């Protein structure tokens, strides 16, 4: 089954893995050290993130490092941007209303 990026980021553990990989490339063992779960569970999360192309593998010698794919993260940001604009407009309208109400107070 092909998952999409929103299914991948729905899980808090996967979001935490993304946050770790945003800082630096890491091996599965290094990632697993940050969680109270098995190495196999972390590998499953990494497989899902890889299927969704949010992370990619980079072999270095006998180790495999996982890196965050920034371009794929931009897809999430672009989707969120539409809501960011809506909420910014609503907050601006609320700010204007509150300013108007404060000026009307005796």
N, C-alpha and C. Protein backbone atom coordinates (compact mmCIF):
# COMPACT_ATOMS: atom_id res chain seq x y z
N UNK A 1 0.85 -1.19 0.00
CA UNK A 1 0.00 0.00 0.00
C UNK A 1 0.89 1.25 0.00
N UNK A 2 0.61 2.15 -0.90
CA UNK A 2 1.37 3.39 -1.00
C UNK A 2 0.74 4.42 -0.07
N UNK A 3 1.52 4.92 0.86
CA UNK A 3 1.04 5.93 1.79
C UNK A 3 1.40 7.32 1.26
N UNK A 4 0.67 8.31 1.70
CA UNK A 4 1.05 9.67 1.31
C UNK A 4 1.73 10.35 2.50
N UNK A 5 2.24 11.54 2.24
CA UNK A 5 3.02 12.22 3.27
C UNK A 5 2.18 12.59 4.49
N UNK A 6 0.90 12.82 4.32
CA UNK A 6 0.06 13.20 5.45
C UNK A 6 -0.22 12.01 6.36
N UNK A 7 -0.30 10.82 5.78
CA UNK A 7 -0.41 9.62 6.62
C UNK A 7 0.89 9.42 7.40
N UNK A 8 2.00 9.73 6.77
CA UNK A 8 3.29 9.55 7.43
C UNK A 8 3.44 10.49 8.62
N UNK A 9 3.05 11.73 8.46
CA UNK A 9 3.25 12.68 9.56
C UNK A 9 2.14 12.64 10.60
N UNK A 10 1.13 11.80 10.38
CA UNK A 10 0.05 11.67 11.36
C UNK A 10 0.53 11.01 12.64
N UNK A 11 1.58 10.22 12.57
CA UNK A 11 2.08 9.49 13.72
C UNK A 11 3.10 10.34 14.49
N UNK A 12 2.94 10.48 15.81
CA UNK A 12 3.86 11.31 16.59
C UNK A 12 5.31 10.80 16.59
N UNK A 13 5.49 9.50 16.54
CA UNK A 13 6.86 8.97 16.50
C UNK A 13 7.53 9.34 15.19
N UNK A 14 6.80 9.27 14.10
CA UNK A 14 7.38 9.65 12.81
C UNK A 14 7.67 11.14 12.76
N UNK A 15 6.82 11.94 13.37
CA UNK A 15 7.11 13.38 13.43
C UNK A 15 8.38 13.63 14.24
N UNK A 16 8.56 12.88 15.32
CA UNK A 16 9.77 13.02 16.13
C UNK A 16 11.01 12.58 15.33
N UNK A 17 10.88 11.53 14.56
CA UNK A 17 12.00 11.08 13.71
C UNK A 17 12.33 12.16 12.69
N UNK A 18 11.32 12.77 12.10
CA UNK A 18 11.54 13.86 11.13
C UNK A 18 12.29 15.01 11.81
N UNK A 19 11.90 15.33 13.03
CA UNK A 19 12.57 16.41 13.76
C UNK A 19 14.04 16.07 14.00
N UNK A 20 14.33 14.83 14.34
CA UNK A 20 15.73 14.41 14.53
C UNK A 20 16.51 14.52 13.23
N UNK A 21 15.92 14.05 12.14
CA UNK A 21 16.61 14.05 10.86
C UNK A 21 16.75 15.46 10.28
N UNK A 22 15.93 16.39 10.75
CA UNK A 22 16.06 17.78 10.31
C UNK A 22 17.38 18.37 10.81
N UNK A 23 17.88 17.81 11.91
CA UNK A 23 19.13 18.30 12.49
C UNK A 23 20.36 17.68 11.84
N UNK A 24 20.26 16.37 11.54
CA UNK A 24 21.40 15.68 10.94
C UNK A 24 20.98 14.31 10.44
N UNK A 25 21.75 13.77 9.51
CA UNK A 25 21.53 12.40 9.04
C UNK A 25 21.91 11.44 10.16
N UNK A 26 21.14 10.37 10.27
CA UNK A 26 21.37 9.42 11.36
C UNK A 26 21.16 7.99 10.88
N UNK A 27 21.81 7.06 11.58
CA UNK A 27 21.59 5.64 11.33
C UNK A 27 20.34 5.20 12.09
N UNK A 28 19.74 4.08 11.69
CA UNK A 28 18.57 3.59 12.44
C UNK A 28 18.87 3.35 13.92
N UNK A 29 20.06 2.84 14.24
CA UNK A 29 20.41 2.62 15.64
C UNK A 29 20.49 3.94 16.41
N UNK A 30 21.05 4.96 15.80
CA UNK A 30 21.14 6.26 16.46
C UNK A 30 19.75 6.86 16.68
N UNK A 31 18.87 6.66 15.71
CA UNK A 31 17.50 7.15 15.85
C UNK A 31 16.79 6.40 16.97
N UNK A 32 16.95 5.07 16.99
CA UNK A 32 16.27 4.23 17.98
C UNK A 32 16.66 4.59 19.41
N UNK A 33 17.87 5.10 19.61
CA UNK A 33 18.31 5.49 20.95
C UNK A 33 17.46 6.61 21.55
N UNK A 34 16.75 7.33 20.73
CA UNK A 34 15.93 8.45 21.19
C UNK A 34 14.51 8.03 21.58
N UNK A 35 14.19 6.75 21.44
CA UNK A 35 12.83 6.29 21.67
C UNK A 35 12.81 5.08 22.60
N UNK A 36 11.69 4.93 23.29
CA UNK A 36 11.48 3.75 24.14
C UNK A 36 10.76 2.68 23.35
N UNK A 37 11.32 2.35 22.21
CA UNK A 37 10.73 1.30 21.37
C UNK A 37 11.87 0.49 20.77
N UNK A 38 11.52 -0.60 20.15
CA UNK A 38 12.53 -1.48 19.60
C UNK A 38 13.12 -0.90 18.32
N UNK A 39 14.26 -1.41 17.96
CA UNK A 39 14.92 -1.02 16.70
C UNK A 39 14.02 -1.39 15.53
N UNK A 40 13.30 -2.52 15.65
CA UNK A 40 12.40 -2.96 14.58
C UNK A 40 11.25 -1.98 14.40
N UNK A 41 10.72 -1.46 15.51
CA UNK A 41 9.63 -0.48 15.42
C UNK A 41 10.11 0.79 14.73
N UNK A 42 11.30 1.24 15.08
CA UNK A 42 11.87 2.42 14.43
C UNK A 42 12.10 2.15 12.95
N UNK A 43 12.56 0.95 12.63
CA UNK A 43 12.76 0.59 11.21
C UNK A 43 11.46 0.63 10.43
N UNK A 44 10.38 0.20 11.06
CA UNK A 44 9.07 0.26 10.40
C UNK A 44 8.68 1.71 10.11
N UNK A 45 8.90 2.59 11.08
CA UNK A 45 8.60 4.01 10.87
C UNK A 45 9.47 4.58 9.75
N UNK A 46 10.74 4.20 9.74
CA UNK A 46 11.64 4.68 8.69
C UNK A 46 11.21 4.17 7.32
N UNK A 47 10.72 2.94 7.26
CA UNK A 47 10.25 2.38 5.99
C UNK A 47 9.06 3.19 5.47
N UNK A 48 8.14 3.54 6.36
CA UNK A 48 6.97 4.33 5.96
C UNK A 48 7.42 5.72 5.48
N UNK A 49 8.33 6.34 6.22
CA UNK A 49 8.82 7.66 5.82
C UNK A 49 9.56 7.59 4.48
N UNK A 50 10.26 6.50 4.25
CA UNK A 50 10.97 6.31 2.99
C UNK A 50 9.98 6.08 1.84
N UNK A 51 8.94 5.27 2.08
CA UNK A 51 7.92 5.03 1.06
C UNK A 51 7.25 6.34 0.64
N UNK A 52 7.07 7.23 1.59
CA UNK A 52 6.43 8.52 1.31
C UNK A 52 7.42 9.55 0.79
N UNK A 53 8.67 9.15 0.71
CA UNK A 53 9.76 9.98 0.19
C UNK A 53 10.04 11.20 1.06
N UNK A 54 9.68 11.11 2.34
CA UNK A 54 10.04 12.18 3.27
C UNK A 54 11.48 12.04 3.74
N UNK A 55 11.98 10.82 3.77
CA UNK A 55 13.38 10.58 4.07
C UNK A 55 13.97 9.70 2.98
N UNK A 56 15.27 9.75 2.85
CA UNK A 56 15.94 8.90 1.89
C UNK A 56 17.16 8.28 2.55
N UNK A 57 17.57 7.18 1.99
CA UNK A 57 18.73 6.46 2.52
C UNK A 57 19.99 6.88 1.79
N UNK A 58 21.07 6.95 2.57
CA UNK A 58 22.37 7.25 1.97
C UNK A 58 23.40 6.27 2.56
N UNK A 59 23.80 5.28 1.78
CA UNK A 59 24.80 4.34 2.29
C UNK A 59 26.17 5.02 2.46
N UNK A 60 26.80 4.74 3.57
CA UNK A 60 28.17 5.21 3.82
C UNK A 60 28.94 4.05 4.42
N UNK A 61 29.71 3.40 3.61
CA UNK A 61 30.42 2.21 4.06
C UNK A 61 29.41 1.12 4.38
N UNK A 62 29.50 0.58 5.58
CA UNK A 62 28.58 -0.49 5.99
C UNK A 62 27.32 0.07 6.66
N UNK A 63 27.26 1.35 6.85
CA UNK A 63 26.12 1.99 7.51
C UNK A 63 25.17 2.60 6.48
N UNK A 64 23.91 2.69 6.88
CA UNK A 64 22.92 3.41 6.08
C UNK A 64 22.44 4.58 6.91
N UNK A 65 22.59 5.76 6.36
CA UNK A 65 22.12 6.97 7.03
C UNK A 65 20.81 7.41 6.41
N UNK A 66 19.94 7.93 7.25
CA UNK A 66 18.66 8.47 6.77
C UNK A 66 18.74 9.98 6.82
N UNK A 67 18.28 10.60 5.74
CA UNK A 67 18.28 12.06 5.62
C UNK A 67 16.87 12.54 5.31
N UNK A 68 16.56 13.71 5.79
CA UNK A 68 15.27 14.33 5.50
C UNK A 68 15.28 14.90 4.09
N UNK A 69 14.22 14.68 3.35
CA UNK A 69 14.08 15.23 2.01
C UNK A 69 13.31 16.55 2.11
N UNK A 70 14.05 17.63 2.03
CA UNK A 70 13.47 18.96 2.22
C UNK A 70 12.42 19.28 1.16
N UNK A 71 12.63 18.83 -0.07
CA UNK A 71 11.67 19.11 -1.15
C UNK A 71 10.30 18.52 -0.82
N UNK A 72 10.27 17.33 -0.26
CA UNK A 72 9.00 16.70 0.09
C UNK A 72 8.34 17.45 1.25
N UNK A 73 9.15 17.96 2.17
CA UNK A 73 8.61 18.74 3.28
C UNK A 73 7.96 20.03 2.77
N UNK A 74 8.47 20.54 1.66
CA UNK A 74 7.88 21.76 1.08
C UNK A 74 6.45 21.51 0.62
N UNK A 75 6.14 20.27 0.20
CA UNK A 75 4.77 19.94 -0.19
C UNK A 75 3.82 20.13 0.99
N UNK A 76 4.26 19.73 2.16
CA UNK A 76 3.45 19.89 3.37
C UNK A 76 3.27 21.37 3.66
N UNK A 77 4.36 22.12 3.56
CA UNK A 77 4.30 23.55 3.83
C UNK A 77 3.38 24.27 2.85
N UNK A 78 3.43 23.88 1.59
CA UNK A 78 2.55 24.49 0.59
C UNK A 78 1.08 24.21 0.89
N UNK A 79 0.78 23.01 1.33
CA UNK A 79 -0.59 22.67 1.68
C UNK A 79 -1.04 23.47 2.89
N UNK A 80 -0.15 23.62 3.87
CA UNK A 80 -0.50 24.37 5.08
C UNK A 80 -0.62 25.87 4.82
N UNK A 81 0.06 26.36 3.81
CA UNK A 81 0.07 27.79 3.52
C UNK A 81 -1.34 28.34 3.32
N UNK A 82 -2.20 27.58 2.66
CA UNK A 82 -3.56 28.07 2.43
C UNK A 82 -4.28 28.32 3.75
N UNK A 83 -4.05 27.48 4.74
CA UNK A 83 -4.69 27.65 6.04
C UNK A 83 -4.02 28.75 6.84
N UNK A 84 -2.72 28.89 6.67
CA UNK A 84 -1.97 29.95 7.34
C UNK A 84 -2.53 31.30 6.91
N UNK A 85 -2.78 31.45 5.63
CA UNK A 85 -3.31 32.72 5.11
C UNK A 85 -4.72 32.99 5.65
N UNK A 86 -5.55 31.96 5.70
CA UNK A 86 -6.90 32.12 6.24
C UNK A 86 -6.84 32.60 7.68
N UNK A 87 -6.02 31.94 8.50
CA UNK A 87 -5.95 32.30 9.91
C UNK A 87 -5.31 33.66 10.13
N UNK A 88 -4.33 34.01 9.32
CA UNK A 88 -3.74 35.33 9.44
C UNK A 88 -4.77 36.41 9.14
N UNK A 89 -5.61 36.18 8.13
CA UNK A 89 -6.68 37.13 7.81
C UNK A 89 -7.67 37.24 8.96
N UNK A 90 -8.03 36.11 9.54
CA UNK A 90 -8.99 36.13 10.65
C UNK A 90 -8.41 36.83 11.87
N UNK A 91 -7.14 36.60 12.15
CA UNK A 91 -6.52 37.27 13.29
C UNK A 91 -6.41 38.77 13.04
N UNK A 92 -6.15 39.17 11.81
CA UNK A 92 -6.09 40.59 11.47
C UNK A 92 -7.46 41.23 11.67
N UNK A 93 -8.51 40.54 11.23
CA UNK A 93 -9.87 41.06 11.42
C UNK A 93 -10.21 41.17 12.90
N UNK A 94 -9.83 40.17 13.68
CA UNK A 94 -10.07 40.21 15.12
C UNK A 94 -9.31 41.36 15.76
N UNK A 95 -8.06 41.55 15.35
CA UNK A 95 -7.25 42.65 15.88
C UNK A 95 -7.89 44.00 15.56
N UNK A 96 -8.40 44.16 14.34
CA UNK A 96 -9.07 45.41 13.96
C UNK A 96 -10.33 45.63 14.79
N UNK A 97 -11.09 44.56 15.00
CA UNK A 97 -12.30 44.66 15.81
C UNK A 97 -11.98 45.05 17.25
N UNK A 98 -10.98 44.43 17.83
CA UNK A 98 -10.60 44.76 19.21
C UNK A 98 -10.08 46.19 19.32
N UNK A 99 -9.34 46.62 18.34
CA UNK A 99 -8.86 48.00 18.33
C UNK A 99 -10.03 48.97 18.26
N UNK A 100 -11.00 48.67 17.40
CA UNK A 100 -12.19 49.52 17.27
C UNK A 100 -12.98 49.54 18.58
N UNK A 101 -13.16 48.39 19.20
CA UNK A 101 -13.90 48.34 20.46
C UNK A 101 -13.17 49.07 21.58
N UNK A 102 -11.85 49.00 21.60
CA UNK A 102 -11.09 49.71 22.63
C UNK A 102 -11.18 51.21 22.46
N UNK A 103 -11.28 51.71 21.24
CA UNK A 103 -11.39 53.15 21.00
C UNK A 103 -12.79 53.67 21.34
N UNK A 104 -13.80 52.79 21.33
CA UNK A 104 -15.17 53.20 21.63
C UNK A 104 -15.44 53.23 23.12
N UNK A 105 -14.56 52.66 23.94
CA UNK A 105 -14.80 52.64 25.39
C UNK A 105 -14.72 54.06 25.92
N UNK A 106 -15.67 54.40 26.86
CA UNK A 106 -15.66 55.77 27.42
C UNK A 106 -14.53 56.01 28.38
